[in-house]
Amino acid sequence: MSVSASIGFGLWKEQSFSEIIKLLLANGWEASYHGRINYSVNDYNYLNAEADQLDEVLKLLDKESSDSPSITLINTKIKSGGELLHHRNSNFSHFSLTLSVNRIIDTATNLTDFKLYLEQLQCLIPISQLVEFNEIK
């Protein structure tokens, strides 16, 4: 049985996708997964770049022509993460982190350990207007 889990958050303050990524990178996350940066500018068509090309990738992700850009991020402390997507909307900036890399399960509940992930995303809480959790089996 396949499980899909994600954490979504909306921002009360307008910030670019690269600003959110840089905030996470400064707080224990990394964009290099197996030595490569995995990202998508449109339609989940994933591309790869060398780890030292992060600045160029961030510029691509911020382009207005990108509908739903995404990048794979891994938390260095818990060795888990997934794809951070920016769902652009004229009224609201919404992001979601699809937990697809080494998803951590709470053994007591047999569900995704959202508390652990939320602890690793604390740097986003002060600027978040909305935080939501989803798990689908």
Protein backbone atom coordinates (compact mmCIF):
# COMPACT_ATOMS: atom_id res chain seq x y z
CA MET A 1 0.00 0.00 0.00
CA SER A 2 1.34 3.39 -0.99
CA VAL A 3 1.30 6.33 1.42
CA SER A 4 1.42 9.98 0.48
CA ALA A 5 2.19 12.55 3.18
CA SER A 6 2.66 16.30 2.97
CA ILE A 7 2.84 19.44 5.03
CA GLY A 8 1.35 22.60 3.57
CA PHE A 9 1.75 26.16 4.68
CA GLY A 10 0.59 29.54 3.51
CA LEU A 11 2.41 32.79 4.06
CA TRP A 12 1.00 36.02 5.36
CA LYS A 13 4.02 37.84 3.97
CA GLU A 14 4.96 37.80 0.29
CA GLN A 15 8.29 36.04 -0.15
CA SER A 16 9.88 34.53 -3.21
CA PHE A 17 10.39 30.80 -3.53
CA SER A 18 14.17 31.27 -3.34
CA GLU A 19 13.80 33.23 -0.07
CA ILE A 20 11.90 30.33 1.49
CA ILE A 21 14.48 27.84 0.21
CA LYS A 22 17.36 29.95 1.57
CA LEU A 23 15.61 30.18 4.96
CA LEU A 24 15.35 26.40 5.08
CA LEU A 25 18.96 25.95 3.92
CA ALA A 26 20.10 28.23 6.76
CA ASN A 27 18.16 26.05 9.22
CA GLY A 28 19.41 22.52 8.63
CA TRP A 29 18.08 21.64 5.20
CA GLU A 30 20.07 20.97 2.03
CA ALA A 31 19.24 21.03 -1.66
CA SER A 32 21.77 18.41 -2.67
CA TYR A 33 20.32 14.89 -2.81
CA HIS A 34 22.87 12.25 -3.79
CA GLY A 35 25.15 15.08 -4.89
CA ARG A 36 22.64 16.64 -7.28
CA ILE A 37 19.95 19.29 -7.11
CA ASN A 38 16.59 17.91 -8.25
CA TYR A 39 14.10 20.57 -9.27
CA SER A 40 11.17 21.32 -11.53
CA VAL A 41 10.22 24.60 -13.14
CA ASN A 42 6.86 23.48 -14.56
CA ASP A 43 4.56 20.46 -14.57
CA TYR A 44 6.69 18.21 -12.37
CA ASN A 45 9.21 17.75 -15.19
CA TYR A 46 12.21 17.16 -12.93
CA LEU A 47 15.64 18.34 -13.93
CA ASN A 48 19.05 17.86 -12.32
CA ALA A 49 21.91 20.26 -11.68
CA GLU A 50 25.28 20.03 -9.99
CA ALA A 51 25.29 21.00 -6.30
CA ASP A 52 27.40 24.09 -7.03
CA GLN A 53 24.73 25.45 -9.41
CA LEU A 54 22.25 26.31 -6.66
CA ASP A 55 22.20 30.06 -7.41
CA GLU A 56 21.27 29.40 -11.05
CA VAL A 57 18.56 26.93 -10.02
CA LEU A 58 17.07 29.43 -7.54
CA LYS A 59 16.86 32.06 -10.29
CA LEU A 60 15.00 29.61 -12.52
CA LEU A 61 12.57 28.71 -9.71
CA ASP A 62 11.71 32.38 -9.14
CA LYS A 63 10.81 33.12 -12.77
CA GLU A 64 7.23 34.29 -13.17
CA SER A 65 6.68 31.82 -16.01
CA SER A 66 7.00 28.92 -13.56
CA ASP A 67 3.55 27.68 -12.56
CA SER A 68 4.41 25.29 -9.73
CA PRO A 69 8.17 25.19 -9.24
CA SER A 70 9.64 22.63 -6.85
CA ILE A 71 12.94 21.48 -5.41
CA THR A 72 13.95 18.41 -3.40
CA LEU A 73 15.16 19.31 0.10
CA ILE A 74 16.59 17.00 2.76
CA ASN A 75 16.83 17.80 6.45
CA THR A 76 20.39 17.03 7.56
CA LYS A 77 19.39 16.19 11.15
CA ILE A 78 16.70 13.60 10.43
CA LYS A 79 17.95 12.55 6.95
CA SER A 80 14.48 12.89 5.51
CA GLY A 81 12.62 15.31 3.27
CA GLY A 82 11.00 15.58 -0.11
CA GLU A 83 9.79 17.98 -2.74
CA LEU A 84 9.02 21.54 -1.71
CA LEU A 85 6.44 22.96 -4.11
CA HIS A 86 5.37 26.57 -4.52
CA HIS A 87 1.74 26.79 -5.57
CA ARG A 88 1.48 30.25 -7.04
CA ASN A 89 -1.77 32.13 -6.71
CA SER A 90 -2.47 35.80 -7.24
CA ASN A 91 -4.02 36.14 -3.78
CA PHE A 92 -2.05 33.73 -1.63
CA SER A 93 1.36 32.08 -1.58
CA HIS A 94 1.06 28.41 -0.65
CA PHE A 95 3.84 25.86 -0.26
CA SER A 96 3.78 22.13 0.35
CA LEU A 97 6.47 19.67 1.32
CA THR A 98 5.69 16.21 -0.03
CA LEU A 99 7.47 13.79 2.30
CA SER A 100 8.91 11.34 -0.19
CA VAL A 101 12.52 10.77 0.95
CA ASN A 102 12.97 8.43 3.94
CA ARG A 103 9.56 9.37 5.40
CA ILE A 104 9.65 8.88 9.18
CA ILE A 105 6.83 6.94 10.84
CA ASP A 106 5.66 7.31 14.45
CA THR A 107 5.78 3.70 15.66
CA ALA A 108 3.01 4.29 18.23
CA THR A 109 0.47 5.43 15.63
CA ASN A 110 1.94 3.94 12.44
CA LEU A 111 1.41 7.37 10.83
CA THR A 112 3.86 9.93 9.50
CA ASP A 113 5.64 11.64 12.41
CA PHE A 114 4.43 15.15 11.56
CA LYS A 115 5.62 16.49 14.93
CA LEU A 116 9.21 15.62 14.03
CA TYR A 117 8.92 17.38 10.66
CA LEU A 118 7.24 20.40 12.21
CA GLU A 119 10.17 20.73 14.61
CA GLN A 120 12.50 20.87 11.59
CA LEU A 121 10.31 23.52 9.93
CA GLN A 122 10.13 25.85 12.94
CA CYS A 123 11.88 28.62 11.03
CA LEU A 124 8.76 28.93 8.84
CA ILE A 125 6.19 29.12 11.64
CA PRO A 126 6.64 32.87 12.38
CA ILE A 127 5.80 33.77 8.77
CA SER A 128 3.06 31.17 8.24
CA GLN A 129 -0.61 31.96 8.13
CA LEU A 130 -1.75 28.40 7.70
CA VAL A 131 -0.18 24.99 8.39
CA GLU A 132 -1.88 21.78 7.29
CA PHE A 133 -0.96 18.09 7.38
CA ASN A 134 -2.12 15.37 5.02
CA GLU A 135 -1.57 11.63 4.88
CA ILE A 136 -3.35 9.44 2.38
CA LYS A 137 -3.08 5.65 2.28
